[in-house]
Amino acid sequence: MGIIHRTQRATHVIGRYLESALADVGVDQGEAHVLSALAAGPRPIAELVEAVGVKRSTLTNILDRLEARGLVRREINPTDRRSFVVRPTRGGERAVRKVARKFAAVDARLEQTTSARERQAFESVLARLEELL
């Protein structure tokens, strides 16, 4: 099994885990990643595209769903009125915290079960994969 196949499989496993772990929040994998990216605070759309790694049109669809459920809102960017900033709502802030806790819990379990060298090698391979593609 090649690295692409294993990476894709791991992505699906992560997605199933997130959807189960976040069932009470009612978000899918893409929505969870957007909420996770908002844990650092409000972000311009262009930053979210980069952070989440999706096409702008895909992000727009995700934001539409999150906005319809009252978890985020788009506001005119005060530093560049041609763009928008995405900000979690009060309910969205609770969802952001829960998503961030779930992500952190998986990271913590990985830290406990892998060496620093293994994690470094994994990060290196992922970085190279992103460069190649």
Protein backbone atom coordinates (compact mmCIF):
# COMPACT_ATOMS: atom_id res chain seq x y z
CA MET A 1 0.00 0.00 0.00
CA GLY A 2 1.54 3.33 -1.09
CA ILE A 3 1.82 6.53 0.90
CA ILE A 4 -1.00 8.22 -1.05
CA HIS A 5 -3.37 5.35 -0.37
CA ARG A 6 -2.47 5.26 3.33
CA THR A 7 -2.81 9.05 3.63
CA GLN A 8 -6.21 8.98 1.97
CA ARG A 9 -7.30 6.10 4.20
CA ALA A 10 -6.09 7.94 7.32
CA THR A 11 -8.02 11.03 6.20
CA HIS A 12 -11.22 8.98 6.00
CA VAL A 13 -10.58 7.40 9.40
CA ILE A 14 -10.05 10.88 10.87
CA GLY A 15 -13.27 12.07 9.22
CA ARG A 16 -15.30 9.20 10.66
CA TYR A 17 -13.78 9.79 14.10
CA LEU A 18 -14.57 13.51 13.99
CA GLU A 19 -18.13 13.01 12.85
CA SER A 20 -18.71 10.53 15.67
CA ALA A 21 -16.86 12.52 18.34
CA LEU A 22 -18.61 15.74 17.33
CA ALA A 23 -22.09 14.28 16.71
CA ASP A 24 -23.64 16.59 19.29
CA VAL A 25 -22.14 19.59 17.47
CA GLY A 26 -23.44 18.19 14.16
CA VAL A 27 -20.46 19.03 11.96
CA ASP A 28 -18.77 17.04 9.23
CA GLN A 29 -15.02 16.76 8.69
CA GLY A 30 -14.69 19.90 6.56
CA GLU A 31 -16.76 21.95 8.97
CA ALA A 32 -14.69 20.67 11.90
CA HIS A 33 -11.49 21.74 10.19
CA VAL A 34 -12.86 25.24 9.58
CA LEU A 35 -13.97 25.53 13.20
CA SER A 36 -10.56 24.29 14.32
CA ALA A 37 -8.88 26.96 12.20
CA LEU A 38 -11.06 29.58 13.93
CA ALA A 39 -9.72 28.54 17.35
CA ALA A 40 -6.97 31.12 16.75
CA GLY A 41 -9.65 33.79 16.33
CA PRO A 42 -11.45 35.41 13.40
CA ARG A 43 -9.70 34.87 10.07
CA PRO A 44 -9.93 36.28 6.57
CA ILE A 45 -11.34 33.91 3.97
CA ALA A 46 -7.97 33.68 2.16
CA GLU A 47 -6.29 32.52 5.40
CA LEU A 48 -8.98 29.89 5.94
CA VAL A 49 -8.50 28.55 2.41
CA GLU A 50 -4.80 28.11 3.15
CA ALA A 51 -5.31 26.73 6.68
CA VAL A 52 -7.94 24.17 5.72
CA GLY A 53 -6.45 23.26 2.33
CA VAL A 54 -9.63 23.39 0.28
CA LYS A 55 -10.67 25.29 -2.82
CA ARG A 56 -12.31 28.65 -2.24
CA SER A 57 -15.64 27.36 -3.63
CA THR A 58 -15.55 24.41 -1.22
CA LEU A 59 -14.86 26.75 1.69
CA THR A 60 -17.78 28.93 0.60
CA ASN A 61 -20.10 25.91 0.76
CA ILE A 62 -18.79 24.95 4.19
CA LEU A 63 -19.21 28.52 5.46
CA ASP A 64 -22.74 28.68 4.04
CA ARG A 65 -23.67 25.57 6.06
CA LEU A 66 -21.99 26.81 9.25
CA GLU A 67 -23.60 30.23 8.87
CA ALA A 68 -27.05 28.70 8.28
CA ARG A 69 -26.68 26.82 11.58
CA GLY A 70 -25.62 30.00 13.38
CA LEU A 71 -22.04 28.88 14.11
CA VAL A 72 -20.14 31.53 12.12
CA ARG A 73 -20.73 34.85 10.45
CA ARG A 74 -18.92 36.63 7.64
CA GLU A 75 -18.11 40.28 8.14
CA ILE A 76 -16.47 42.87 5.95
CA ASN A 77 -12.73 42.85 6.66
CA PRO A 78 -12.00 46.21 8.38
CA THR A 79 -8.47 46.28 6.92
CA ASP A 80 -9.55 45.37 3.36
CA ARG A 81 -13.17 46.15 2.56
CA ARG A 82 -12.95 43.97 -0.57
CA SER A 83 -12.75 40.81 1.54
CA PHE A 84 -14.46 39.08 4.45
CA VAL A 85 -13.41 37.88 7.87
CA VAL A 86 -15.04 34.78 9.34
CA ARG A 87 -15.90 34.96 13.02
CA PRO A 88 -17.53 32.33 15.22
CA THR A 89 -20.82 33.31 16.84
CA ARG A 90 -21.37 32.73 20.56
CA GLY A 91 -22.67 29.22 19.80
CA GLY A 92 -19.89 28.81 17.31
CA GLU A 93 -17.30 29.62 19.96
CA ARG A 94 -18.56 26.67 22.01
CA ALA A 95 -18.30 24.45 18.93
CA VAL A 96 -14.79 25.78 18.19
CA ARG A 97 -13.67 24.91 21.74
CA LYS A 98 -15.12 21.41 21.51
CA VAL A 99 -13.52 20.78 18.10
CA ALA A 100 -10.18 22.11 19.38
CA ARG A 101 -10.38 19.80 22.41
CA LYS A 102 -11.06 16.76 20.19
CA PHE A 103 -8.15 17.64 17.88
CA ALA A 104 -5.87 18.21 20.89
CA ALA A 105 -6.90 14.87 22.43
CA VAL A 106 -5.88 12.98 19.28
CA ASP A 107 -2.59 14.91 19.14
CA ALA A 108 -1.94 14.07 22.79
CA ARG A 109 -2.61 10.37 22.22
CA LEU A 110 -0.22 10.41 19.26
CA GLU A 111 2.43 12.10 21.39
CA GLN A 112 2.07 9.40 24.01
CA THR A 113 2.34 6.54 21.52
CA THR A 114 5.02 7.84 19.12
CA SER A 115 8.50 9.23 19.50
CA ALA A 116 9.48 12.80 18.67
CA ARG A 117 11.59 11.38 15.85
CA GLU A 118 8.60 9.53 14.37
CA ARG A 119 6.44 12.65 14.51
CA GLN A 120 9.20 14.73 12.94
CA ALA A 121 9.62 12.22 10.11
CA PHE A 122 5.87 12.14 9.54
CA GLU A 123 5.70 15.95 9.39
CA SER A 124 8.60 15.94 6.94
CA VAL A 125 6.89 13.43 4.65
CA LEU A 126 3.63 15.41 4.74
CA ALA A 127 5.47 18.64 3.93
CA ARG A 128 7.21 16.98 0.99
CA LEU A 129 3.92 15.54 -0.25
CA GLU A 130 2.36 19.01 -0.19
CA GLU A 131 5.33 20.41 -2.12
CA LEU A 132 5.08 17.68 -4.76
CA LEU A 133 1.37 18.14 -5.29
